[in-house]
């Protein structure tokens, strides 16, 4: 679906998900993340870039597992620490994963995906046409109910910083793994909020597309 069509449907309140493909179950088990290998940090930084052309091929389970762990997985199990920081350890960002098979919530413990919508939400995650067919669109959602220690006036900015840290983790993983990615803030917030089924304390902060680079 092209951008103009999405804008028009959004104005009419009719930008909706598509039916999910396949017959996925309520949970998707992920292999244990591989924490060895990858490019040295300085090389990954040298390759970090935004790309907007993606092949439709699904990511292999191990690649998906490693990507989600790099984004905001547990790296210090005894403390519950994550690969991305959050103010006062509020861990307010939930990471949703939109695929053709449905919309999933990444559960950092026990490191799996739980399906929350049996629909293909990808085209609602942004006005750009490439989000419809790229294999994976991430949606970062802040739950302000977890930010009780943060003054209400500062919660949005704190959540934005946390989402930015997750997005940069994704960028560096993609640079190391030969994947393409781009962060996006241009989307129909009302339509995406409705498609995910978010509550009043939840705020969509950022979206990010991931896939194999075209060509």
C-alpha atoms as a PDB file:
ATOM      1  CA  UNK A   1       0.000   0.000   0.000  1.00  0.00           C
ATOM      2  CA  UNK A   2       1.465   3.375  -0.961  1.00  0.00           C
ATOM      3  CA  UNK A   3       1.863   6.385   1.297  1.00  0.00           C
ATOM      4  CA  UNK A   4      -1.014   8.422  -0.157  1.00  0.00           C
ATOM      5  CA  UNK A   5      -3.446   5.546   0.327  1.00  0.00           C
ATOM      6  CA  UNK A   6      -2.343   5.117   3.934  1.00  0.00           C
ATOM      7  CA  UNK A   7      -2.763   8.830   4.604  1.00  0.00           C
ATOM      8  CA  UNK A   8      -6.250   8.778   3.108  1.00  0.00           C
ATOM      9  CA  UNK A   9      -7.307   5.693   5.068  1.00  0.00           C
ATOM     10  CA  UNK A  10      -5.862   7.225   8.221  1.00  0.00           C
ATOM     11  CA  UNK A  11      -7.972  10.354   7.765  1.00  0.00           C
ATOM     12  CA  UNK A  12     -11.023   8.106   7.492  1.00  0.00           C
ATOM     13  CA  UNK A  13     -10.000   6.029  10.501  1.00  0.00           C
ATOM     14  CA  UNK A  14      -9.725   2.963   8.290  1.00  0.00           C
ATOM     15  CA  UNK A  15      -6.011   2.143   8.327  1.00  0.00           C
ATOM     16  CA  UNK A  16      -6.301  -1.381   9.678  1.00  0.00           C
ATOM     17  CA  UNK A  17      -4.149  -4.533   9.878  1.00  0.00           C
ATOM     18  CA  UNK A  18      -4.380  -7.386   7.404  1.00  0.00           C
ATOM     19  CA  UNK A  19      -5.252 -10.983   8.327  1.00  0.00           C
ATOM     20  CA  UNK A  20      -2.279 -12.916   9.648  1.00  0.00           C
ATOM     21  CA  UNK A  21      -0.580 -15.450   7.401  1.00  0.00           C
ATOM     22  CA  UNK A  22      -0.233 -19.091   8.389  1.00  0.00           C
ATOM     23  CA  UNK A  23      -1.451 -20.639  11.612  1.00  0.00           C
ATOM     24  CA  UNK A  24       0.977 -19.560  14.306  1.00  0.00           C
ATOM     25  CA  UNK A  25       0.478 -20.630  17.896  1.00  0.00           C
ATOM     26  CA  UNK A  26       0.142 -18.323  20.901  1.00  0.00           C
ATOM     27  CA  UNK A  27       3.867 -18.453  21.657  1.00  0.00           C
ATOM     28  CA  UNK A  28       7.033 -18.572  19.594  1.00  0.00           C
ATOM     29  CA  UNK A  29       9.965 -20.269  21.274  1.00  0.00           C
ATOM     30  CA  UNK A  30      13.330 -18.707  20.508  1.00  0.00           C
ATOM     31  CA  UNK A  31      16.694 -20.452  20.599  1.00  0.00           C
ATOM     32  CA  UNK A  32      19.103 -19.239  23.234  1.00  0.00           C
ATOM     33  CA  UNK A  33      20.838 -16.090  21.997  1.00  0.00           C
ATOM     34  CA  UNK A  34      24.339 -16.544  20.687  1.00  0.00           C
ATOM     35  CA  UNK A  35      26.534 -14.156  22.646  1.00  0.00           C
ATOM     36  CA  UNK A  36      29.763 -14.939  20.825  1.00  0.00           C
ATOM     37  CA  UNK A  37      31.053 -13.628  17.530  1.00  0.00           C
ATOM     38  CA  UNK A  38      29.934 -10.576  15.642  1.00  0.00           C
ATOM     39  CA  UNK A  39      32.022  -7.658  14.457  1.00  0.00           C
ATOM     40  CA  UNK A  40      34.255  -5.631  16.772  1.00  0.00           C
ATOM     41  CA  UNK A  41      32.399  -2.564  18.048  1.00  0.00           C
ATOM     42  CA  UNK A  42      34.367   0.001  16.034  1.00  0.00           C
ATOM     43  CA  UNK A  43      33.747  -1.930  12.804  1.00  0.00           C
ATOM     44  CA  UNK A  44      30.025  -2.170  13.550  1.00  0.00           C
ATOM     45  CA  UNK A  45      29.902   1.572  14.209  1.00  0.00           C
ATOM     46  CA  UNK A  46      31.653   2.142  10.900  1.00  0.00           C
ATOM     47  CA  UNK A  47      28.956   0.141   9.084  1.00  0.00           C
ATOM     48  CA  UNK A  48      25.933   1.522  10.972  1.00  0.00           C
ATOM     49  CA  UNK A  49      23.445   3.095   8.562  1.00  0.00           C
ATOM     50  CA  UNK A  50      19.753   3.453   7.734  1.00  0.00           C
ATOM     51  CA  UNK A  51      18.443   1.435   4.791  1.00  0.00           C
ATOM     52  CA  UNK A  52      14.949   1.473   3.315  1.00  0.00           C
ATOM     53  CA  UNK A  53      14.930  -1.445   0.867  1.00  0.00           C
ATOM     54  CA  UNK A  54      14.294  -4.920   2.243  1.00  0.00           C
ATOM     55  CA  UNK A  55      13.883  -8.434   0.967  1.00  0.00           C
ATOM     56  CA  UNK A  56      10.673 -10.112   2.203  1.00  0.00           C
ATOM     57  CA  UNK A  57      12.520 -13.201   3.477  1.00  0.00           C
ATOM     58  CA  UNK A  58      11.811 -14.063   7.125  1.00  0.00           C
ATOM     59  CA  UNK A  59      14.719 -13.934   9.536  1.00  0.00           C
ATOM     60  CA  UNK A  60      16.114 -17.282  10.673  1.00  0.00           C
ATOM     61  CA  UNK A  61      15.070 -18.160  14.267  1.00  0.00           C
ATOM     62  CA  UNK A  62      18.628 -17.791  15.574  1.00  0.00           C
ATOM     63  CA  UNK A  63      19.025 -14.377  13.939  1.00  0.00           C
ATOM     64  CA  UNK A  64      15.679 -13.233  15.363  1.00  0.00           C
ATOM     65  CA  UNK A  65      16.654 -14.470  18.815  1.00  0.00           C
ATOM     66  CA  UNK A  66      20.011 -12.702  18.689  1.00  0.00           C
ATOM     67  CA  UNK A  67      18.396  -9.494  17.396  1.00  0.00           C
ATOM     68  CA  UNK A  68      15.863  -9.326  20.229  1.00  0.00           C
ATOM     69  CA  UNK A  69      18.489 -10.123  22.854  1.00  0.00           C
ATOM     70  CA  UNK A  70      20.724  -7.376  21.476  1.00  0.00           C
ATOM     71  CA  UNK A  71      17.793  -4.952  21.513  1.00  0.00           C
ATOM     72  CA  UNK A  72      16.803  -5.324  25.173  1.00  0.00           C
ATOM     73  CA  UNK A  73      17.509  -8.840  26.381  1.00  0.00           C
ATOM     74  CA  UNK A  74      18.784  -9.880  29.789  1.00  0.00           C
ATOM     75  CA  UNK A  75      22.593  -9.730  29.980  1.00  0.00           C
ATOM     76  CA  UNK A  76      22.977  -9.996  33.784  1.00  0.00           C
ATOM     77  CA  UNK A  77      20.534 -12.636  34.904  1.00  0.00           C
ATOM     78  CA  UNK A  78      21.317 -12.333  38.605  1.00  0.00           C
ATOM     79  CA  UNK A  79      20.326  -8.642  38.519  1.00  0.00           C
ATOM     80  CA  UNK A  80      17.744  -8.769  35.756  1.00  0.00           C
ATOM     81  CA  UNK A  81      19.901  -6.261  33.886  1.00  0.00           C
ATOM     82  CA  UNK A  82      19.280  -5.575  30.215  1.00  0.00           C
ATOM     83  CA  UNK A  83      21.395  -4.734  27.197  1.00  0.00           C
ATOM     84  CA  UNK A  84      19.713  -1.282  27.053  1.00  0.00           C
ATOM     85  CA  UNK A  85      19.512   1.187  29.972  1.00  0.00           C
ATOM     86  CA  UNK A  86      16.426   2.734  31.521  1.00  0.00           C
ATOM     87  CA  UNK A  87      16.112   5.455  34.142  1.00  0.00           C
ATOM     88  CA  UNK A  88      15.896   4.056  37.689  1.00  0.00           C
ATOM     89  CA  UNK A  89      15.651   0.601  36.110  1.00  0.00           C
ATOM     90  CA  UNK A  90      11.999   1.204  35.286  1.00  0.00           C
ATOM     91  CA  UNK A  91      12.242  -0.994  32.161  1.00  0.00           C
ATOM     92  CA  UNK A  92       9.264   0.878  30.780  1.00  0.00           C
ATOM     93  CA  UNK A  93       9.751  -0.063  27.112  1.00  0.00           C
ATOM     94  CA  UNK A  94       7.855  -3.065  25.745  1.00  0.00           C
ATOM     95  CA  UNK A  95       9.108  -4.360  22.414  1.00  0.00           C
ATOM     96  CA  UNK A  96       6.415  -5.542  20.002  1.00  0.00           C
ATOM     97  CA  UNK A  97       7.330  -7.514  16.885  1.00  0.00           C
ATOM     98  CA  UNK A  98       5.058  -7.262  13.834  1.00  0.00           C
ATOM     99  CA  UNK A  99       5.358 -10.099  11.298  1.00  0.00           C
ATOM    100  CA  UNK A 100       3.129 -11.628   8.645  1.00  0.00           C
ATOM    101  CA  UNK A 101       2.104 -14.272  11.202  1.00  0.00           C
ATOM    102  CA  UNK A 102       0.881 -11.797  13.817  1.00  0.00           C
ATOM    103  CA  UNK A 103       1.877  -9.228  16.401  1.00  0.00           C
ATOM    104  CA  UNK A 104       4.116 -10.495  19.179  1.00  0.00           C
ATOM    105  CA  UNK A 105       5.359  -9.180  22.511  1.00  0.00           C
ATOM    106  CA  UNK A 106       8.990  -9.952  23.340  1.00  0.00           C
ATOM    107  CA  UNK A 107       9.190 -11.446  26.820  1.00  0.00           C
ATOM    108  CA  UNK A 108      12.796 -10.984  27.907  1.00  0.00           C
ATOM    109  CA  UNK A 109      12.304 -13.737  30.496  1.00  0.00           C
ATOM    110  CA  UNK A 110      12.049 -16.544  29.433  1.00  0.00           C
ATOM    111  CA  UNK A 111      13.275 -15.048  26.114  1.00  0.00           C
ATOM    112  CA  UNK A 112      10.327 -15.803  23.847  1.00  0.00           C
ATOM    113  CA  UNK A 113       7.607 -14.146  21.785  1.00  0.00           C
ATOM    114  CA  UNK A 114       3.963 -14.182  22.850  1.00  0.00           C
ATOM    115  CA  UNK A 115       1.352 -13.426  20.227  1.00  0.00           C
ATOM    116  CA  UNK A 116      -0.952 -10.581  21.260  1.00  0.00           C
ATOM    117  CA  UNK A 117      -2.813 -10.018  17.969  1.00  0.00           C
ATOM    118  CA  UNK A 118      -3.638 -12.598  15.304  1.00  0.00           C
ATOM    119  CA  UNK A 119      -3.295 -10.022  12.526  1.00  0.00           C
ATOM    120  CA  UNK A 120      -0.585  -8.598  10.279  1.00  0.00           C
ATOM    121  CA  UNK A 121       0.017  -5.132  11.719  1.00  0.00           C
ATOM    122  CA  UNK A 122       3.070  -4.275   9.599  1.00  0.00           C
ATOM    123  CA  UNK A 123       1.420  -1.794   7.243  1.00  0.00           C
ATOM    124  CA  UNK A 124       0.039   0.168  10.204  1.00  0.00           C
ATOM    125  CA  UNK A 125       3.524   0.677  11.684  1.00  0.00           C
ATOM    126  CA  UNK A 126       4.383   3.484   9.251  1.00  0.00           C
ATOM    127  CA  UNK A 127       3.288   5.520   6.262  1.00  0.00           C
ATOM    128  CA  UNK A 128       6.233   4.293   4.168  1.00  0.00           C
ATOM    129  CA  UNK A 129       5.393   1.579   1.652  1.00  0.00           C
ATOM    130  CA  UNK A 130       8.348  -0.683   2.539  1.00  0.00           C
ATOM    131  CA  UNK A 131       6.984  -1.461   6.016  1.00  0.00           C
ATOM    132  CA  UNK A 132       4.193  -3.565   4.475  1.00  0.00           C
ATOM    133  CA  UNK A 133       6.454  -6.294   3.097  1.00  0.00           C
ATOM    134  CA  UNK A 134       9.648  -6.126   5.173  1.00  0.00           C
ATOM    135  CA  UNK A 135       9.731  -9.238   7.371  1.00  0.00           C
ATOM    136  CA  UNK A 136       9.899  -7.459  10.706  1.00  0.00           C
ATOM    137  CA  UNK A 137       8.669  -4.173  12.148  1.00  0.00           C
ATOM    138  CA  UNK A 138       9.531  -3.423  15.769  1.00  0.00           C
ATOM    139  CA  UNK A 139       7.287  -1.161  17.840  1.00  0.00           C
ATOM    140  CA  UNK A 140       8.648   0.345  21.056  1.00  0.00           C
ATOM    141  CA  UNK A 141       5.919   1.148  23.565  1.00  0.00           C
ATOM    142  CA  UNK A 142       6.422   2.950  26.879  1.00  0.00           C
ATOM    143  CA  UNK A 143       4.295   1.861  29.820  1.00  0.00           C
ATOM    144  CA  UNK A 144       4.053   4.954  32.016  1.00  0.00           C
ATOM    145  CA  UNK A 145       2.587   2.868  34.827  1.00  0.00           C
ATOM    146  CA  UNK A 146       6.108   1.530  35.422  1.00  0.00           C
ATOM    147  CA  UNK A 147       7.527   5.042  35.804  1.00  0.00           C
ATOM    148  CA  UNK A 148       6.030   5.967  39.176  1.00  0.00           C
ATOM    149  CA  UNK A 149       9.385   7.281  40.415  1.00  0.00           C
ATOM    150  CA  UNK A 150       9.717   9.621  37.433  1.00  0.00           C
ATOM    151  CA  UNK A 151       7.809  12.946  37.508  1.00  0.00           C
ATOM    152  CA  UNK A 152       4.904  12.852  35.060  1.00  0.00           C
ATOM    153  CA  UNK A 153       6.312  15.817  33.120  1.00  0.00           C
ATOM    154  CA  UNK A 154       9.533  13.901  32.394  1.00  0.00           C
ATOM    155  CA  UNK A 155       8.204  10.444  31.562  1.00  0.00           C
ATOM    156  CA  UNK A 156       7.897  10.971  27.827  1.00  0.00           C
ATOM    157  CA  UNK A 157      11.461  12.241  27.472  1.00  0.00           C
ATOM    158  CA  UNK A 158      12.855   9.467  29.687  1.00  0.00           C
ATOM    159  CA  UNK A 159      11.005   6.847  27.639  1.00  0.00           C
ATOM    160  CA  UNK A 160      12.328   8.381  24.418  1.00  0.00           C
ATOM    161  CA  UNK A 161      15.901   8.030  25.674  1.00  0.00           C
ATOM    162  CA  UNK A 162      15.302   4.377  26.594  1.00  0.00           C
ATOM    163  CA  UNK A 163      13.761   3.626  23.191  1.00  0.00           C
ATOM    164  CA  UNK A 164      16.670   5.364  21.473  1.00  0.00           C
ATOM    165  CA  UNK A 165      19.133   3.114  23.299  1.00  0.00           C
ATOM    166  CA  UNK A 166      17.219   0.033  22.145  1.00  0.00           C
ATOM    167  CA  UNK A 167      17.104   1.330  18.578  1.00  0.00           C
ATOM    168  CA  UNK A 168      20.875   1.876  18.538  1.00  0.00           C
ATOM    169  CA  UNK A 169      21.420  -1.653  19.837  1.00  0.00           C
ATOM    170  CA  UNK A 170      19.341  -2.878  16.899  1.00  0.00           C
ATOM    171  CA  UNK A 171      21.361  -0.738  14.479  1.00  0.00           C
ATOM    172  CA  UNK A 172      24.663  -2.129  15.740  1.00  0.00           C
ATOM    173  CA  UNK A 173      23.427  -5.712  15.645  1.00  0.00           C
ATOM    174  CA  UNK A 174      22.189  -5.229  12.087  1.00  0.00           C
ATOM    175  CA  UNK A 175      25.502  -3.706  11.035  1.00  0.00           C
ATOM    176  CA  UNK A 176      27.315  -6.705  12.510  1.00  0.00           C
ATOM    177  CA  UNK A 177      24.913  -9.316  11.065  1.00  0.00           C
ATOM    178  CA  UNK A 178      24.587  -7.848   7.568  1.00  0.00           C
ATOM    179  CA  UNK A 179      20.950  -6.803   8.046  1.00  0.00           C
ATOM    180  CA  UNK A 180      19.212  -3.607   6.979  1.00  0.00           C
ATOM    181  CA  UNK A 181      17.280  -1.402   9.406  1.00  0.00           C
ATOM    182  CA  UNK A 182      15.777   2.060   9.772  1.00  0.00           C
ATOM    183  CA  UNK A 183      14.038   3.816  12.670  1.00  0.00           C
ATOM    184  CA  UNK A 184      10.764   5.591  11.958  1.00  0.00           C
ATOM    185  CA  UNK A 185       8.604   8.125  13.753  1.00  0.00           C
ATOM    186  CA  UNK A 186       6.164   8.821  10.891  1.00  0.00           C
ATOM    187  CA  UNK A 187       3.113   6.653  11.552  1.00  0.00           C
ATOM    188  CA  UNK A 188      -0.580   6.945  12.345  1.00  0.00           C
ATOM    189  CA  UNK A 189      -0.398   6.877  16.136  1.00  0.00           C
ATOM    190  CA  UNK A 190      -4.144   6.385  16.654  1.00  0.00           C
ATOM    191  CA  UNK A 191      -4.357   3.558  14.109  1.00  0.00           C
ATOM    192  CA  UNK A 192      -1.323   1.745  15.513  1.00  0.00           C
ATOM    193  CA  UNK A 193      -2.494   2.190  19.101  1.00  0.00           C
ATOM    194  CA  UNK A 194      -5.830   0.670  18.101  1.00  0.00           C
ATOM    195  CA  UNK A 195      -4.205  -2.172  16.154  1.00  0.00           C
ATOM    196  CA  UNK A 196      -2.011  -3.182  19.096  1.00  0.00           C
ATOM    197  CA  UNK A 197      -4.777  -2.718  21.660  1.00  0.00           C
ATOM    198  CA  UNK A 198      -2.876  -0.377  23.973  1.00  0.00           C
ATOM    199  CA  UNK A 199      -4.225   1.127  27.181  1.00  0.00           C
ATOM    200  CA  UNK A 200      -4.228   4.754  28.365  1.00  0.00           C
ATOM    201  CA  UNK A 201      -0.872   4.445  30.174  1.00  0.00           C
ATOM    202  CA  UNK A 202       0.905   3.097  27.079  1.00  0.00           C
ATOM    203  CA  UNK A 203       2.608   5.346  24.527  1.00  0.00           C
ATOM    204  CA  UNK A 204       4.145   4.358  21.192  1.00  0.00           C
ATOM    205  CA  UNK A 205       7.590   5.950  21.056  1.00  0.00           C
ATOM    206  CA  UNK A 206       9.321   4.598  17.964  1.00  0.00           C
ATOM    207  CA  UNK A 207       9.097   2.001  15.209  1.00  0.00           C
ATOM    208  CA  UNK A 208      11.959   0.261  13.408  1.00  0.00           C
ATOM    209  CA  UNK A 209      12.050  -1.992  10.366  1.00  0.00           C
ATOM    210  CA  UNK A 210      14.525  -4.882  10.069  1.00  0.00           C
ATOM    211  CA  UNK A 211      15.261  -7.336   7.262  1.00  0.00           C
ATOM    212  CA  UNK A 212      17.766  -8.555   4.746  1.00  0.00           C
ATOM    213  CA  UNK A 213      18.931  -5.734   2.464  1.00  0.00           C
ATOM    214  CA  UNK A 214      17.548  -5.840  -1.072  1.00  0.00           C
ATOM    215  CA  UNK A 215      20.247  -6.472  -3.628  1.00  0.00           C
END
